[in-house]
Protein backbone atom coordinates (compact mmCIF):
# COMPACT_ATOMS: atom_id res chain seq x y z
CA MET A 1 -19.70 -4.69 40.09
CA ILE A 2 -20.08 -2.80 36.71
CA ASP A 3 -20.93 -5.19 33.70
CA ARG A 4 -18.28 -3.98 31.29
CA THR A 5 -19.96 -5.81 28.25
CA LYS A 6 -23.18 -3.58 28.58
CA ALA A 7 -20.90 -0.55 28.97
CA PHE A 8 -18.95 -1.38 25.91
CA ALA A 9 -22.16 -2.10 23.86
CA ALA A 10 -23.60 1.29 24.95
CA MET A 11 -20.50 3.21 23.39
CA PRO A 12 -21.34 5.10 20.27
CA ARG A 13 -20.03 3.38 16.88
CA CYS A 14 -18.19 5.12 14.20
CA GLY A 15 -20.89 4.56 11.51
CA ALA A 16 -18.64 5.61 8.59
CA ARG A 17 -19.43 3.49 5.42
CA THR A 18 -16.82 0.83 4.73
CA ARG A 19 -15.82 -0.30 1.11
CA SER A 20 -18.41 -3.06 1.39
CA GLY A 21 -21.02 -0.43 2.14
CA VAL A 22 -21.76 -1.57 5.75
CA PRO A 23 -21.40 0.98 8.63
CA CYS A 24 -18.19 0.66 10.53
CA LYS A 25 -18.52 -1.12 13.97
CA ARG A 26 -15.55 0.34 15.75
CA ILE A 27 -16.10 2.57 18.64
CA GLY A 28 -16.02 6.24 17.62
CA ASN A 29 -14.22 9.00 19.73
CA SER A 30 -15.78 11.64 21.67
CA ARG A 31 -14.46 14.52 19.56
CA ASN A 32 -16.28 13.78 16.24
CA GLY A 33 -17.72 10.31 16.57
CA ARG A 34 -15.31 8.59 14.19
CA CYS A 35 -12.89 5.84 14.87
CA LYS A 36 -9.20 6.25 14.13
CA LEU A 37 -9.46 4.54 10.86
CA HIS A 38 -12.05 6.95 9.59
CA GLY A 39 -10.66 10.42 10.79
CA GLY A 40 -11.12 10.47 14.49
CA ARG A 41 -7.59 10.13 15.57
CA ALA A 42 -7.96 10.58 19.36
CA GLY A 43 -4.16 10.51 20.18
CA ALA A 44 -3.38 13.94 18.69
CA PRO A 45 -4.14 16.99 20.81
CA LEU A 46 -6.34 19.57 19.16
CA GLY A 47 -4.32 22.18 17.11
CA LYS A 48 -1.30 19.86 17.00
CA ARG A 49 -2.06 18.20 13.84
CA ASN A 50 -2.68 19.29 10.24
CA GLY A 51 -4.33 16.54 8.10
CA ASN A 52 -3.21 18.22 4.80
CA TRP A 53 0.57 18.55 5.84
CA ARG A 54 2.42 15.63 4.16
CA HIS A 55 5.94 16.66 3.51
CA GLY A 56 6.26 20.30 3.23
CA GLY A 57 7.13 20.29 -0.50
CA GLU A 58 4.44 22.95 -1.32
CA SER A 59 5.32 25.15 1.80
CA LYS A 60 6.03 28.84 1.15
CA GLU A 61 9.60 28.12 2.19
CA ALA A 62 10.07 25.29 -0.26
CA ARG A 63 8.65 27.30 -3.11
CA ALA A 64 10.97 30.28 -2.31
CA ASN A 65 13.85 27.82 -2.16
CA ARG A 66 12.85 26.45 -5.67
CA ARG A 67 12.77 29.83 -7.04
CA LEU A 68 16.11 30.85 -5.78
CA ILE A 69 17.57 27.74 -7.26
CA ARG A 70 16.05 28.34 -10.58
CA ALA A 71 17.41 31.87 -10.54
CA LEU A 72 20.81 30.77 -9.59
CA LEU A 73 20.66 28.02 -12.41
CA ARG A 74 19.56 30.73 -15.01
CA GLN A 75 22.46 32.96 -13.95
CA ALA A 76 24.92 30.06 -14.33
CA ALA A 77 23.67 29.08 -17.59
CA ASN A 78 23.86 32.86 -18.96
CA LEU A 79 27.35 33.02 -17.52
CA LEU A 80 28.42 29.85 -19.46
CA ARG A 81 26.90 31.23 -22.53
CA GLY A 82 28.76 34.40 -22.30
CA SER A 83 25.68 36.66 -22.13
CA GLY A 84 25.84 37.24 -18.39
C-alpha cells in the first residue's frame, strides 16, 4: 500500500512570497509551479483564459461604439443649435 502522506509531502510547493514574507506552503501545479492563489489556476485549459481581460470596456469594439456615440451626440447638439 502507498503511503499517501509521503507522496503529499514530496509534491512541489508554490513558494510565492505571502504578505507576511514567508513562502506559500500550498501545492503548486505542474504547469508553472504556482498554486491557484498565486497565478497557477489549473482549471483553465491553455489558451482559454486571458488574465488581462476583465470586462471588455477597452476592447476595439467598445472603443468604436463609444466613438460612434460621441459622433451622434455631436450631430444632435449641432442640429439643436441650428448649425447642422
